[in-house]
Amino acid sequence: MESVKIKIILYYLAKNKNIKLHVTNKTHVKKVKEAFAKKMDIDLKTHKIRLLFRGQELLDNNPLLFNNVEEGSKIQVMVNEI
């Protein structure tokens, strides 16, 4: 399968805020978390980010297409202090 550019929406529960990211369907979840952390100025050394899509937590080593994330998908974000 070829790489396809997509726009995803990360819904940050604690701030009730939508963050739009432009990625590809082959982008790994860890990279999405890193981009979100950078955009929201969250230190990954002191915080853990969890991404939830359709009731399942997305795992860092999987590309987005593994969980059928596609254009316009809305992913919930939870951030906890470590």
PDB file of N, CA and C in Angstrom:
ATOM      1  N   MET A   1       0.840  -1.186   0.000  1.00  0.00           N
ATOM      2  CA  MET A   1       0.000   0.000   0.000  1.00  0.00           C
ATOM      3  C   MET A   1       0.885   1.249   0.000  1.00  0.00           C
ATOM      4  N   GLU A   2       0.527   2.224  -0.798  1.00  0.00           N
ATOM      5  CA  GLU A   2       1.326   3.435  -0.891  1.00  0.00           C
ATOM      6  C   GLU A   2       0.971   4.421   0.214  1.00  0.00           C
ATOM      7  N   SER A   3       1.887   5.317   0.475  1.00  0.00           N
ATOM      8  CA  SER A   3       1.704   6.347   1.485  1.00  0.00           C
ATOM      9  C   SER A   3       0.740   7.418   0.968  1.00  0.00           C
ATOM     10  N   VAL A   4      -0.242   7.782   1.786  1.00  0.00           N
ATOM     11  CA  VAL A   4      -1.249   8.760   1.397  1.00  0.00           C
ATOM     12  C   VAL A   4      -1.279   9.882   2.437  1.00  0.00           C
ATOM     13  N   LYS A   5      -1.227  11.134   1.971  1.00  0.00           N
ATOM     14  CA  LYS A   5      -1.312  12.273   2.888  1.00  0.00           C
ATOM     15  C   LYS A   5      -2.740  12.386   3.418  1.00  0.00           C
ATOM     16  N   ILE A   6      -2.831  12.581   4.750  1.00  0.00           N
ATOM     17  CA  ILE A   6      -4.141  12.736   5.383  1.00  0.00           C
ATOM     18  C   ILE A   6      -4.086  13.838   6.441  1.00  0.00           C
ATOM     19  N   LYS A   7      -5.249  14.380   6.754  1.00  0.00           N
ATOM     20  CA  LYS A   7      -5.381  15.324   7.867  1.00  0.00           C
ATOM     21  C   LYS A   7      -6.148  14.604   8.957  1.00  0.00           C
ATOM     22  N   ILE A   8      -5.579  14.585  10.168  1.00  0.00           N
ATOM     23  CA  ILE A   8      -6.281  13.984  11.297  1.00  0.00           C
ATOM     24  C   ILE A   8      -6.571  15.071  12.325  1.00  0.00           C
ATOM     25  N   ILE A   9      -7.545  14.816  13.159  1.00  0.00           N
ATOM     26  CA  ILE A   9      -7.922  15.760  14.203  1.00  0.00           C
ATOM     27  C   ILE A   9      -7.669  15.084  15.545  1.00  0.00           C
ATOM     28  N   LEU A  10      -6.846  15.711  16.359  1.00  0.00           N
ATOM     29  CA  LEU A  10      -6.577  15.205  17.697  1.00  0.00           C
ATOM     30  C   LEU A  10      -7.425  16.008  18.670  1.00  0.00           C
ATOM     31  N   TYR A  11      -8.317  15.324  19.379  1.00  0.00           N
ATOM     32  CA  TYR A  11      -9.182  15.988  20.348  1.00  0.00           C
ATOM     33  C   TYR A  11      -8.552  15.852  21.726  1.00  0.00           C
ATOM     34  N   TYR A  12      -8.051  16.955  22.254  1.00  0.00           N
ATOM     35  CA  TYR A  12      -7.382  16.993  23.544  1.00  0.00           C
ATOM     36  C   TYR A  12      -8.448  17.153  24.624  1.00  0.00           C
ATOM     37  N   LEU A  13      -8.779  16.059  25.272  1.00  0.00           N
ATOM     38  CA  LEU A  13      -9.886  16.004  26.221  1.00  0.00           C
ATOM     39  C   LEU A  13      -9.774  17.042  27.333  1.00  0.00           C
ATOM     40  N   ALA A  14      -8.607  17.143  27.973  1.00  0.00           N
ATOM     41  CA  ALA A  14      -8.437  18.021  29.129  1.00  0.00           C
ATOM     42  C   ALA A  14      -8.647  19.492  28.794  1.00  0.00           C
ATOM     43  N   LYS A  15      -8.341  19.879  27.567  1.00  0.00           N
ATOM     44  CA  LYS A  15      -8.459  21.289  27.161  1.00  0.00           C
ATOM     45  C   LYS A  15      -9.670  21.530  26.254  1.00  0.00           C
ATOM     46  N   ASN A  16     -10.411  20.460  25.934  1.00  0.00           N
ATOM     47  CA  ASN A  16     -11.556  20.549  25.025  1.00  0.00           C
ATOM     48  C   ASN A  16     -11.160  21.290  23.739  1.00  0.00           C
ATOM     49  N   LYS A  17     -10.049  20.822  23.145  1.00  0.00           N
ATOM     50  CA  LYS A  17      -9.473  21.517  21.988  1.00  0.00           C
ATOM     51  C   LYS A  17      -9.172  20.525  20.871  1.00  0.00           C
ATOM     52  N   ASN A  18      -9.446  20.924  19.631  1.00  0.00           N
ATOM     53  CA  ASN A  18      -9.100  20.128  18.460  1.00  0.00           C
ATOM     54  C   ASN A  18      -7.795  20.640  17.848  1.00  0.00           C
ATOM     55  N   ILE A  19      -6.874  19.716  17.592  1.00  0.00           N
ATOM     56  CA  ILE A  19      -5.597  20.037  16.974  1.00  0.00           C
ATOM     57  C   ILE A  19      -5.551  19.298  15.641  1.00  0.00           C
ATOM     58  N   LYS A  20      -5.309  20.021  14.552  1.00  0.00           N
ATOM     59  CA  LYS A  20      -5.229  19.378  13.235  1.00  0.00           C
ATOM     60  C   LYS A  20      -3.769  19.099  12.895  1.00  0.00           C
ATOM     61  N   LEU A  21      -3.526  17.888  12.388  1.00  0.00           N
ATOM     62  CA  LEU A  21      -2.187  17.509  11.954  1.00  0.00           C
ATOM     63  C   LEU A  21      -2.261  16.945  10.542  1.00  0.00           C
ATOM     64  N   HIS A  22      -1.271  17.285   9.729  1.00  0.00           N
ATOM     65  CA  HIS A  22      -1.143  16.720   8.394  1.00  0.00           C
ATOM     66  C   HIS A  22      -0.024  15.688   8.449  1.00  0.00           C
ATOM     67  N   VAL A  23      -0.373  14.451   8.170  1.00  0.00           N
ATOM     68  CA  VAL A  23       0.555  13.321   8.250  1.00  0.00           C
ATOM     69  C   VAL A  23       0.295  12.406   7.057  1.00  0.00           C
ATOM     70  N   THR A  24       0.915  11.225   7.064  1.00  0.00           N
ATOM     71  CA  THR A  24       0.561  10.211   6.075  1.00  0.00           C
ATOM     72  C   THR A  24      -0.044   9.031   6.816  1.00  0.00           C
ATOM     73  N   ASN A  25      -0.711   8.177   6.085  1.00  0.00           N
ATOM     74  CA  ASN A  25      -1.322   7.005   6.708  1.00  0.00           C
ATOM     75  C   ASN A  25      -0.273   6.019   7.211  1.00  0.00           C
ATOM     76  N   LYS A  26       0.985   6.216   6.794  1.00  0.00           N
ATOM     77  CA  LYS A  26       2.064   5.331   7.258  1.00  0.00           C
ATOM     78  C   LYS A  26       2.862   5.935   8.416  1.00  0.00           C
ATOM     79  N   THR A  27       2.457   7.115   8.876  1.00  0.00           N
ATOM     80  CA  THR A  27       3.111   7.736  10.030  1.00  0.00           C
ATOM     81  C   THR A  27       2.863   6.875  11.260  1.00  0.00           C
ATOM     82  N   HIS A  28       3.922   6.629  12.012  1.00  0.00           N
ATOM     83  CA  HIS A  28       3.774   5.831  13.227  1.00  0.00           C
ATOM     84  C   HIS A  28       3.171   6.675  14.347  1.00  0.00           C
ATOM     85  N   VAL A  29       2.436   6.014  15.210  1.00  0.00           N
ATOM     86  CA  VAL A  29       1.727   6.658  16.314  1.00  0.00           C
ATOM     87  C   VAL A  29       2.698   7.480  17.170  1.00  0.00           C
ATOM     88  N   LYS A  30       3.877   6.963  17.417  1.00  0.00           N
ATOM     89  CA  LYS A  30       4.861   7.684  18.236  1.00  0.00           C
ATOM     90  C   LYS A  30       5.169   9.050  17.638  1.00  0.00           C
ATOM     91  N   LYS A  31       5.285   9.145  16.317  1.00  0.00           N
ATOM     92  CA  LYS A  31       5.560  10.421  15.645  1.00  0.00           C
ATOM     93  C   LYS A  31       4.382  11.394  15.802  1.00  0.00           C
ATOM     94  N   VAL A  32       3.159  10.865  15.776  1.00  0.00           N
ATOM     95  CA  VAL A  32       1.975  11.709  15.984  1.00  0.00           C
ATOM     96  C   VAL A  32       1.999  12.275  17.401  1.00  0.00           C
ATOM     97  N   LYS A  33       2.328  11.441  18.379  1.00  0.00           N
ATOM     98  CA  LYS A  33       2.423  11.898  19.769  1.00  0.00           C
ATOM     99  C   LYS A  33       3.482  12.988  19.906  1.00  0.00           C
ATOM    100  N   GLU A  34       4.624  12.795  19.265  1.00  0.00           N
ATOM    101  CA  GLU A  34       5.703  13.785  19.326  1.00  0.00           C
ATOM    102  C   GLU A  34       5.277  15.107  18.697  1.00  0.00           C
ATOM    103  N   ALA A  35       4.582  15.052  17.578  1.00  0.00           N
ATOM    104  CA  ALA A  35       4.101  16.272  16.916  1.00  0.00           C
ATOM    105  C   ALA A  35       3.078  16.990  17.783  1.00  0.00           C
ATOM    106  N   PHE A  36       2.180  16.223  18.406  1.00  0.00           N
ATOM    107  CA  PHE A  36       1.178  16.806  19.301  1.00  0.00           C
ATOM    108  C   PHE A  36       1.866  17.471  20.492  1.00  0.00           C
ATOM    109  N   ALA A  37       2.827  16.775  21.088  1.00  0.00           N
ATOM    110  CA  ALA A  37       3.536  17.314  22.258  1.00  0.00           C
ATOM    111  C   ALA A  37       4.246  18.622  21.906  1.00  0.00           C
ATOM    112  N   LYS A  38       4.868  18.660  20.739  1.00  0.00           N
ATOM    113  CA  LYS A  38       5.558  19.874  20.305  1.00  0.00           C
ATOM    114  C   LYS A  38       4.568  21.024  20.108  1.00  0.00           C
ATOM    115  N   LYS A  39       3.455  20.728  19.471  1.00  0.00           N
ATOM    116  CA  LYS A  39       2.443  21.754  19.196  1.00  0.00           C
ATOM    117  C   LYS A  39       1.822  22.306  20.483  1.00  0.00           C
ATOM    118  N   MET A  40       1.665  21.428  21.482  1.00  0.00           N
ATOM    119  CA  MET A  40       1.016  21.823  22.738  1.00  0.00           C
ATOM    120  C   MET A  40       2.015  22.140  23.848  1.00  0.00           C
ATOM    121  N   ASP A  41       3.320  22.120  23.521  1.00  0.00           N
ATOM    122  CA  ASP A  41       4.384  22.404  24.488  1.00  0.00           C
ATOM    123  C   ASP A  41       4.297  21.481  25.713  1.00  0.00           C
ATOM    124  N   ILE A  42       4.228  20.183  25.444  1.00  0.00           N
ATOM    125  CA  ILE A  42       4.165  19.161  26.490  1.00  0.00           C
ATOM    126  C   ILE A  42       5.500  18.426  26.516  1.00  0.00           C
ATOM    127  N   ASP A  43       6.072  18.304  27.688  1.00  0.00           N
ATOM    128  CA  ASP A  43       7.356  17.629  27.855  1.00  0.00           C
ATOM    129  C   ASP A  43       7.123  16.118  27.971  1.00  0.00           C
ATOM    130  N   LEU A  44       7.634  15.370  27.003  1.00  0.00           N
ATOM    131  CA  LEU A  44       7.432  13.919  26.995  1.00  0.00           C
ATOM    132  C   LEU A  44       8.245  13.202  28.073  1.00  0.00           C
ATOM    133  N   LYS A  45       9.175  13.910  28.701  1.00  0.00           N
ATOM    134  CA  LYS A  45       9.927  13.304  29.802  1.00  0.00           C
ATOM    135  C   LYS A  45       9.103  13.280  31.084  1.00  0.00           C
ATOM    136  N   THR A  46       8.124  14.185  31.171  1.00  0.00           N
ATOM    137  CA  THR A  46       7.322  14.277  32.394  1.00  0.00           C
ATOM    138  C   THR A  46       5.850  13.924  32.180  1.00  0.00           C
ATOM    139  N   HIS A  47       5.474  13.657  30.925  1.00  0.00           N
ATOM    140  CA  HIS A  47       4.078  13.358  30.616  1.00  0.00           C
ATOM    141  C   HIS A  47       3.972  12.145  29.687  1.00  0.00           C
ATOM    142  N   LYS A  48       2.900  11.417  29.858  1.00  0.00           N
ATOM    143  CA  LYS A  48       2.598  10.290  28.965  1.00  0.00           C
ATOM    144  C   LYS A  48       1.379  10.664  28.127  1.00  0.00           C
ATOM    145  N   ILE A  49       1.488  10.467  26.830  1.00  0.00           N
ATOM    146  CA  ILE A  49       0.376  10.759  25.921  1.00  0.00           C
ATOM    147  C   ILE A  49      -0.206   9.446  25.431  1.00  0.00           C
ATOM    148  N   ARG A  50      -1.542   9.354  25.494  1.00  0.00           N
ATOM    149  CA  ARG A  50      -2.242   8.181  24.966  1.00  0.00           C
ATOM    150  C   ARG A  50      -3.198   8.645  23.874  1.00  0.00           C
ATOM    151  N   LEU A  51      -3.214   7.930  22.758  1.00  0.00           N
ATOM    152  CA  LEU A  51      -4.129   8.229  21.657  1.00  0.00           C
ATOM    153  C   LEU A  51      -5.154   7.117  21.574  1.00  0.00           C
ATOM    154  N   LEU A  52      -6.430   7.496  21.511  1.00  0.00           N
ATOM    155  CA  LEU A  52      -7.526   6.534  21.447  1.00  0.00           C
ATOM    156  C   LEU A  52      -8.342   6.766  20.184  1.00  0.00           C
ATOM    157  N   PHE A  53      -8.588   5.691  19.460  1.00  0.00           N
ATOM    158  CA  PHE A  53      -9.370   5.771  18.228  1.00  0.00           C
ATOM    159  C   PHE A  53     -10.337   4.601  18.188  1.00  0.00           C
ATOM    160  N   ARG A  54     -11.617   4.925  18.065  1.00  0.00           N
ATOM    161  CA  ARG A  54     -12.675   3.910  18.040  1.00  0.00           C
ATOM    162  C   ARG A  54     -12.579   2.955  19.230  1.00  0.00           C
ATOM    163  N   GLY A  55     -12.305   3.543  20.393  1.00  0.00           N
ATOM    164  CA  GLY A  55     -12.296   2.762  21.626  1.00  0.00           C
ATOM    165  C   GLY A  55     -11.033   1.966  21.890  1.00  0.00           C
ATOM    166  N   GLN A  56     -10.023   2.096  21.030  1.00  0.00           N
ATOM    167  CA  GLN A  56      -8.783   1.348  21.226  1.00  0.00           C
ATOM    168  C   GLN A  56      -7.600   2.301  21.319  1.00  0.00           C
ATOM    169  N   GLU A  57      -6.662   1.955  22.212  1.00  0.00           N
ATOM    170  CA  GLU A  57      -5.451   2.749  22.318  1.00  0.00           C
ATOM    171  C   GLU A  57      -4.528   2.424  21.146  1.00  0.00           C
ATOM    172  N   LEU A  58      -4.000   3.461  20.519  1.00  0.00           N
ATOM    173  CA  LEU A  58      -3.066   3.276  19.406  1.00  0.00           C
ATOM    174  C   LEU A  58      -1.667   3.045  19.959  1.00  0.00           C
ATOM    175  N   LEU A  59      -0.992   2.028  19.465  1.00  0.00           N
ATOM    176  CA  LEU A  59       0.332   1.654  19.953  1.00  0.00           C
ATOM    177  C   LEU A  59       1.429   2.352  19.165  1.00  0.00           C
ATOM    178  N   ASP A  60       2.460   2.795  19.875  1.00  0.00           N
ATOM    179  CA  ASP A  60       3.538   3.608  19.310  1.00  0.00           C
ATOM    180  C   ASP A  60       4.158   3.050  18.033  1.00  0.00           C
ATOM    181  N   ASN A  61       4.381   1.754  17.977  1.00  0.00           N
ATOM    182  CA  ASN A  61       5.115   1.171  16.849  1.00  0.00           C
ATOM    183  C   ASN A  61       4.252   0.882  15.627  1.00  0.00           C
ATOM    184  N   ASN A  62       2.963   1.144  15.712  1.00  0.00           N
ATOM    185  CA  ASN A  62       2.068   0.879  14.583  1.00  0.00           C
ATOM    186  C   ASN A  62       1.869   2.132  13.736  1.00  0.00           C
ATOM    187  N   PRO A  63       1.801   1.968  12.414  1.00  0.00           N
ATOM    188  CA  PRO A  63       1.424   3.109  11.572  1.00  0.00           C
ATOM    189  C   PRO A  63      -0.075   3.368  11.723  1.00  0.00           C
ATOM    190  N   LEU A  64      -0.502   4.565  11.390  1.00  0.00           N
ATOM    191  CA  LEU A  64      -1.922   4.916  11.526  1.00  0.00           C
ATOM    192  C   LEU A  64      -2.820   3.980  10.729  1.00  0.00           C
ATOM    193  N   LEU A  65      -2.376   3.544   9.566  1.00  0.00           N
ATOM    194  CA  LEU A  65      -3.227   2.687   8.729  1.00  0.00           C
ATOM    195  C   LEU A  65      -3.528   1.344   9.393  1.00  0.00           C
ATOM    196  N   PHE A  66      -2.704   0.922  10.358  1.00  0.00           N
ATOM    197  CA  PHE A  66      -2.932  -0.328  11.081  1.00  0.00           C
ATOM    198  C   PHE A  66      -4.296  -0.320  11.776  1.00  0.00           C
ATOM    199  N   ASN A  67      -4.709   0.865  12.258  1.00  0.00           N
ATOM    200  CA  ASN A  67      -6.003   1.009  12.927  1.00  0.00           C
ATOM    201  C   ASN A  67      -7.046   1.687  12.044  1.00  0.00           C
ATOM    202  N   ASN A  68      -6.793   1.698  10.738  1.00  0.00           N
ATOM    203  CA  ASN A  68      -7.732   2.276   9.768  1.00  0.00           C
ATOM    204  C   ASN A  68      -7.996   3.768   9.982  1.00  0.00           C
ATOM    205  N   VAL A  69      -6.980   4.488  10.477  1.00  0.00           N
ATOM    206  CA  VAL A  69      -7.087   5.940  10.591  1.00  0.00           C
ATOM    207  C   VAL A  69      -6.972   6.504   9.181  1.00  0.00           C
ATOM    208  N   GLU A  70      -7.915   7.364   8.817  1.00  0.00           N
ATOM    209  CA  GLU A  70      -7.948   7.918   7.462  1.00  0.00           C
ATOM    210  C   GLU A  70      -8.243   9.403   7.511  1.00  0.00           C
ATOM    211  N   GLU A  71      -8.327  10.026   6.351  1.00  0.00           N
ATOM    212  CA  GLU A  71      -8.606  11.463   6.224  1.00  0.00           C
ATOM    213  C   GLU A  71      -9.779  11.866   7.109  1.00  0.00           C
ATOM    214  N   GLY A  72      -9.535  12.892   7.962  1.00  0.00           N
ATOM    215  CA  GLY A  72     -10.598  13.440   8.799  1.00  0.00           C
ATOM    216  C   GLY A  72     -10.888  12.663  10.070  1.00  0.00           C
ATOM    217  N   SER A  73     -10.147  11.595  10.323  1.00  0.00           N
ATOM    218  CA  SER A  73     -10.381  10.820  11.540  1.00  0.00           C
ATOM    219  C   SER A  73     -10.130  11.685  12.771  1.00  0.00           C
ATOM    220  N   LYS A  74     -10.949  11.458  13.805  1.00  0.00           N
ATOM    221  CA  LYS A  74     -10.809  12.183  15.061  1.00  0.00           C
ATOM    222  C   LYS A  74     -10.272  11.221  16.111  1.00  0.00           C
ATOM    223  N   ILE A  75      -9.135  11.573  16.678  1.00  0.00           N
ATOM    224  CA  ILE A  75      -8.449  10.739  17.662  1.00  0.00           C
ATOM    225  C   ILE A  75      -8.445  11.459  18.995  1.00  0.00           C
ATOM    226  N   GLN A  76      -8.856  10.770  20.048  1.00  0.00           N
ATOM    227  CA  GLN A  76      -8.872  11.369  21.374  1.00  0.00           C
ATOM    228  C   GLN A  76      -7.477  11.299  21.982  1.00  0.00           C
ATOM    229  N   VAL A  77      -7.108  12.363  22.694  1.00  0.00           N
ATOM    230  CA  VAL A  77      -5.788  12.439  23.327  1.00  0.00           C
ATOM    231  C   VAL A  77      -5.961  12.591  24.838  1.00  0.00           C
ATOM    232  N   MET A  78      -5.234  11.750  25.557  1.00  0.00           N
ATOM    233  CA  MET A  78      -5.188  11.857  27.020  1.00  0.00           C
ATOM    234  C   MET A  78      -3.733  12.087  27.416  1.00  0.00           C
ATOM    235  N   VAL A  79      -3.512  13.045  28.309  1.00  0.00           N
ATOM    236  CA  VAL A  79      -2.165  13.367  28.765  1.00  0.00           C
ATOM    237  C   VAL A  79      -2.136  13.227  30.281  1.00  0.00           C
ATOM    238  N   ASN A  80      -1.162  12.448  30.765  1.00  0.00           N
ATOM    239  CA  ASN A  80      -1.002  12.242  32.195  1.00  0.00           C
ATOM    240  C   ASN A  80       0.442  12.527  32.593  1.00  0.00           C
ATOM    241  N   GLU A  81       0.618  13.078  33.813  1.00  0.00           N
ATOM    242  CA  GLU A  81       1.973  13.248  34.331  1.00  0.00           C
ATOM    243  C   GLU A  81       2.511  11.889  34.721  1.00  0.00           C
ATOM    244  N   ILE A  82       3.807  11.711  34.539  1.00  0.00           N
ATOM    245  CA  ILE A  82       4.441  10.432  34.894  1.00  0.00           C
ATOM    246  C   ILE A  82       4.862  10.492  36.348  1.00  0.00           C
TER     247      ILE A  82
END
